[in-house]
Amino acid sequence: MILAAGRGERMRPLTDHIPKPLLPVAGKALIEHQVERVAEAGFRRIVINHAWLGEQIEKALGDGSRWKLAIDYSAEGEALETGGGIHRALPLLPDPFLVINGDIWTDIDYRSLRIAQGDLATLVMVPNPQHNPEGDFALQGDRLHSDPGRGERLTFSGIGVYRHDLFAGCEPGKFPLAPLLREAMQQGRAGGVRHDGLWIDVGTPERLAQLETCLAHSSSK
């Protein structure tokens, strides 16, 4: 699943008339790069949720056949936040399933990601960027903790593998994902893996420009 329902407030005015996943970078929409990477990793079916100007996303990507995969859409109308958006799309998703934030860029190999037996979630963690110096969760070995001091404090990349049971007992509607992840950590059922490669949270115009520069530099090598 690629999460693409956010309004992109920090990107305004760029996102006033175009959804953030369709912002161009290196000659194509950000989400097109995402779909390409997922297809290259061997996935053959993607679910994309959308809200703000979501019809533009469907028009731009179509049914996914150009990447030799199938795209299903989960239209939300009003954005349901990460937890609510995933919960709404569960009937379209296998178990377990991979979720990727639509506004990140990374060179991680999605084929390498696994979830351990008994775990409800496995999160990809990255070194803390300047805009999140305190990190989100602590990684100790391959276990994640919400309490500080129980491992190295790192930033959640927006990439995770989840089981349907993570959402057991949730009601349809708008709710965040983080409380469910913290509960899984308290139960000892959340794993983590550290990624030290390329990762950019493309959340502001400045970081969008940073990514453009990064890709231009890599393509010129």
Protein backbone atom coordinates (compact mmCIF):
# COMPACT_ATOMS: atom_id res chain seq x y z
CA MET A 1 0.00 0.00 0.00
CA ILE A 2 1.23 3.49 -0.86
CA LEU A 3 -0.18 6.22 1.37
CA ALA A 4 -1.17 9.21 -0.76
CA ALA A 5 -4.10 10.85 1.04
CA GLY A 6 -2.30 13.72 2.80
CA ARG A 7 -3.16 17.33 2.05
CA GLY A 8 0.50 18.40 1.85
CA GLU A 9 0.06 21.57 3.91
CA ARG A 10 3.81 22.11 4.28
CA MET A 11 4.14 22.00 0.49
CA ARG A 12 1.67 24.79 -0.16
CA PRO A 13 1.23 26.61 -2.49
CA LEU A 14 2.66 23.77 -4.63
CA THR A 15 -0.13 21.45 -3.48
CA ASP A 16 -3.05 23.87 -3.86
CA HIS A 17 -3.93 22.47 -7.28
CA ILE A 18 -2.03 19.18 -7.42
CA PRO A 19 -1.78 16.39 -4.80
CA LYS A 20 1.65 16.04 -3.22
CA PRO A 21 2.33 12.56 -4.70
CA LEU A 22 2.09 14.07 -8.20
CA LEU A 23 4.71 16.77 -7.61
CA PRO A 24 7.39 16.32 -10.27
CA VAL A 25 10.92 15.26 -9.43
CA ALA A 26 13.56 14.17 -11.96
CA GLY A 27 11.05 14.35 -14.80
CA LYS A 28 8.15 12.37 -13.35
CA ALA A 29 5.71 12.40 -10.45
CA LEU A 30 7.08 11.40 -7.05
CA ILE A 31 4.58 8.55 -6.76
CA GLU A 32 5.56 7.23 -10.20
CA HIS A 33 9.08 6.69 -8.88
CA GLN A 34 7.52 4.81 -5.95
CA VAL A 35 5.43 2.57 -8.20
CA GLU A 36 8.49 1.80 -10.35
CA ARG A 37 10.52 0.75 -7.31
CA VAL A 38 7.72 -1.46 -6.01
CA ALA A 39 7.31 -3.09 -9.43
CA GLU A 40 11.07 -3.68 -9.66
CA ALA A 41 10.89 -5.42 -6.27
CA GLY A 42 8.45 -7.93 -7.70
CA PHE A 43 5.15 -6.71 -6.31
CA ARG A 44 2.24 -7.20 -8.69
CA ARG A 45 -0.58 -5.46 -6.84
CA ILE A 46 -0.67 -2.06 -5.13
CA VAL A 47 -3.36 -0.28 -3.14
CA ILE A 48 -3.18 3.53 -3.15
CA ASN A 49 -5.39 5.61 -0.87
CA HIS A 50 -6.20 9.20 -1.72
CA ALA A 51 -8.32 12.14 -0.59
CA TRP A 52 -7.22 15.64 -1.67
CA LEU A 53 -7.53 15.84 -5.49
CA GLY A 54 -7.33 12.07 -5.57
CA GLU A 55 -8.94 11.80 -8.99
CA GLN A 56 -5.74 13.30 -10.41
CA ILE A 57 -3.76 10.40 -8.95
CA GLU A 58 -6.08 7.83 -10.52
CA LYS A 59 -5.88 9.59 -13.88
CA ALA A 60 -2.07 9.79 -13.75
CA LEU A 61 -1.43 6.17 -12.75
CA GLY A 62 -4.41 4.35 -14.24
CA ASP A 63 -4.70 0.65 -13.60
CA GLY A 64 -0.94 0.14 -13.28
CA SER A 65 -0.61 -1.94 -16.44
CA ARG A 66 2.28 0.15 -17.75
CA TRP A 67 4.33 -1.20 -14.83
CA LYS A 68 2.96 -4.72 -15.28
CA LEU A 69 1.06 -4.61 -12.01
CA ALA A 70 -2.48 -3.86 -10.83
CA ILE A 71 -3.45 -0.75 -8.84
CA ASP A 72 -6.51 -0.61 -6.61
CA TYR A 73 -7.61 2.71 -5.15
CA SER A 74 -9.08 3.42 -1.73
CA ALA A 75 -10.84 6.77 -2.01
CA GLU A 76 -11.39 8.43 1.34
CA GLY A 77 -13.05 11.74 0.57
CA GLU A 78 -11.82 13.24 3.84
CA ALA A 79 -8.37 11.97 4.76
CA LEU A 80 -8.59 9.34 7.50
CA GLU A 81 -5.00 9.70 8.81
CA THR A 82 -2.57 6.81 8.50
CA GLY A 83 -4.32 4.34 10.80
CA GLY A 84 -7.80 5.01 9.48
CA GLY A 85 -6.63 4.93 5.88
CA ILE A 86 -4.94 1.56 6.24
CA HIS A 87 -7.89 0.14 8.19
CA ARG A 88 -10.30 1.17 5.43
CA ALA A 89 -8.12 -0.56 2.81
CA LEU A 90 -7.64 -3.85 4.72
CA PRO A 91 -10.16 -5.79 2.57
CA LEU A 92 -7.92 -5.01 -0.44
CA LEU A 93 -4.68 -6.07 1.26
CA PRO A 94 -3.01 -9.47 1.82
CA ASP A 95 -1.78 -10.47 5.28
CA PRO A 96 0.92 -9.41 5.98
CA PHE A 97 1.36 -6.36 3.76
CA LEU A 98 3.90 -3.61 3.07
CA VAL A 99 3.02 0.07 3.55
CA ILE A 100 5.08 2.95 2.15
CA ASN A 101 4.52 6.65 2.76
CA GLY A 102 3.89 8.36 -0.57
CA ASP A 103 6.12 11.34 0.27
CA ILE A 104 9.44 9.61 0.92
CA TRP A 105 12.37 8.64 -1.26
CA THR A 106 14.63 5.73 -0.42
CA ASP A 107 16.97 3.23 -2.01
CA ILE A 108 15.96 0.39 0.31
CA ASP A 109 15.36 -3.01 -1.29
CA TYR A 110 11.71 -3.73 -0.52
CA ARG A 111 12.32 -7.42 -1.25
CA SER A 112 14.49 -7.64 1.86
CA LEU A 113 11.72 -6.78 4.32
CA ARG A 114 10.22 -9.49 6.51
CA ILE A 115 7.99 -9.74 9.56
CA ALA A 116 8.75 -12.26 12.28
CA GLN A 117 6.27 -14.90 13.35
CA GLY A 118 4.10 -13.46 16.11
CA ASP A 119 4.94 -9.83 15.38
CA LEU A 120 2.25 -7.34 14.41
CA ALA A 121 4.62 -4.87 12.75
CA THR A 122 8.16 -4.47 11.44
CA LEU A 123 9.29 -0.89 10.91
CA VAL A 124 12.20 0.42 8.88
CA MET A 125 14.14 2.90 11.01
CA VAL A 126 16.63 5.52 9.79
CA PRO A 127 19.20 7.83 11.43
CA ASN A 128 17.53 10.96 12.76
CA PRO A 129 17.33 13.79 10.20
CA GLN A 130 17.69 17.44 11.16
CA HIS A 131 13.92 17.93 11.23
CA ASN A 132 13.42 15.07 13.72
CA PRO A 133 16.53 15.08 15.93
CA GLU A 134 14.95 13.20 18.86
CA GLY A 135 13.76 10.28 16.73
CA ASP A 136 10.53 8.30 17.20
CA PHE A 137 11.26 4.87 18.67
CA ALA A 138 14.20 2.99 20.18
CA LEU A 139 15.74 0.05 18.32
CA GLN A 140 17.46 -2.60 20.46
CA GLY A 141 18.68 -5.46 18.32
CA ASP A 142 15.67 -6.22 16.17
CA ARG A 143 13.13 -5.07 18.79
CA LEU A 144 11.42 -1.70 18.90
CA HIS A 145 10.53 0.15 22.10
CA SER A 146 8.48 3.28 22.67
CA ASP A 147 10.28 3.97 25.96
CA PRO A 148 13.45 6.09 25.72
CA GLY A 149 16.68 4.53 26.88
CA ARG A 150 15.97 1.02 25.59
CA GLY A 151 18.21 1.10 22.56
CA GLU A 152 19.16 3.64 19.92
CA ARG A 153 16.57 6.31 19.26
CA LEU A 154 15.85 6.42 15.52
CA THR A 155 13.28 7.88 13.12
CA PHE A 156 10.46 5.84 11.63
CA SER A 157 10.98 5.92 7.86
CA GLY A 158 7.32 5.58 6.91
CA ILE A 159 7.97 2.04 5.66
CA GLY A 160 6.48 -0.90 7.54
CA VAL A 161 5.23 -4.44 7.21
CA TYR A 162 2.00 -5.05 9.12
CA ARG A 163 -0.44 -7.81 9.94
CA HIS A 164 -4.19 -7.32 9.86
CA ASP A 165 -4.29 -8.13 13.59
CA LEU A 166 -2.52 -4.84 14.32
CA PHE A 167 -5.90 -3.24 13.61
CA ALA A 168 -8.01 -5.73 15.59
CA GLY A 169 -10.75 -3.92 17.46
CA CYS A 170 -10.40 -0.69 15.46
CA GLU A 171 -13.54 1.03 14.25
CA PRO A 172 -13.84 2.66 10.81
CA GLY A 173 -12.99 6.34 10.76
CA LYS A 174 -10.13 8.76 11.23
CA PHE A 175 -7.32 7.72 13.58
CA PRO A 176 -3.49 7.73 13.72
CA LEU A 177 -1.25 4.69 13.39
CA ALA A 178 1.29 5.57 16.10
CA PRO A 179 -0.79 4.45 19.13
CA LEU A 180 -1.27 1.00 17.56
CA LEU A 181 2.48 0.72 16.98
CA ARG A 182 3.26 1.74 20.56
CA GLU A 183 0.83 -0.85 21.87
CA ALA A 184 2.49 -3.52 19.74
CA MET A 185 5.86 -2.45 21.14
CA GLN A 186 4.58 -2.72 24.72
CA GLN A 187 3.42 -6.26 23.90
CA GLY A 188 6.88 -7.11 22.53
CA ARG A 189 5.38 -7.68 19.08
CA ALA A 190 7.11 -4.97 17.04
CA GLY A 191 10.33 -5.57 15.16
CA GLY A 192 12.63 -3.10 13.49
CA VAL A 193 15.41 -2.91 10.94
CA ARG A 194 17.86 -0.04 10.48
CA HIS A 195 18.44 1.44 7.01
CA ASP A 196 21.55 3.57 6.58
CA GLY A 197 21.15 4.22 2.87
CA LEU A 198 19.37 7.02 1.07
CA TRP A 199 16.15 8.25 2.67
CA ILE A 200 14.47 11.65 2.31
CA ASP A 201 11.16 12.75 3.77
CA VAL A 202 9.93 14.93 0.91
CA GLY A 203 7.70 17.03 3.15
CA THR A 204 8.72 20.58 2.24
CA PRO A 205 9.70 22.47 -0.93
CA GLU A 206 13.27 22.59 0.37
CA ARG A 207 13.47 18.82 0.70
CA LEU A 208 11.86 18.39 -2.72
CA ALA A 209 14.66 20.54 -4.14
CA GLN A 210 17.19 18.49 -2.15
CA LEU A 211 15.89 15.30 -3.75
CA GLU A 212 16.00 16.85 -7.22
CA THR A 213 19.65 17.78 -6.67
CA CYS A 214 20.45 14.34 -5.28
CA LEU A 215 18.93 12.52 -8.25
CA ALA A 216 20.57 14.87 -10.76
CA HIS A 217 23.94 14.20 -9.12
CA SER A 218 23.46 10.41 -9.15
CA SER A 219 22.34 10.36 -12.79
CA SER A 220 25.39 12.35 -13.87
CA LYS A 221 27.81 9.80 -12.47
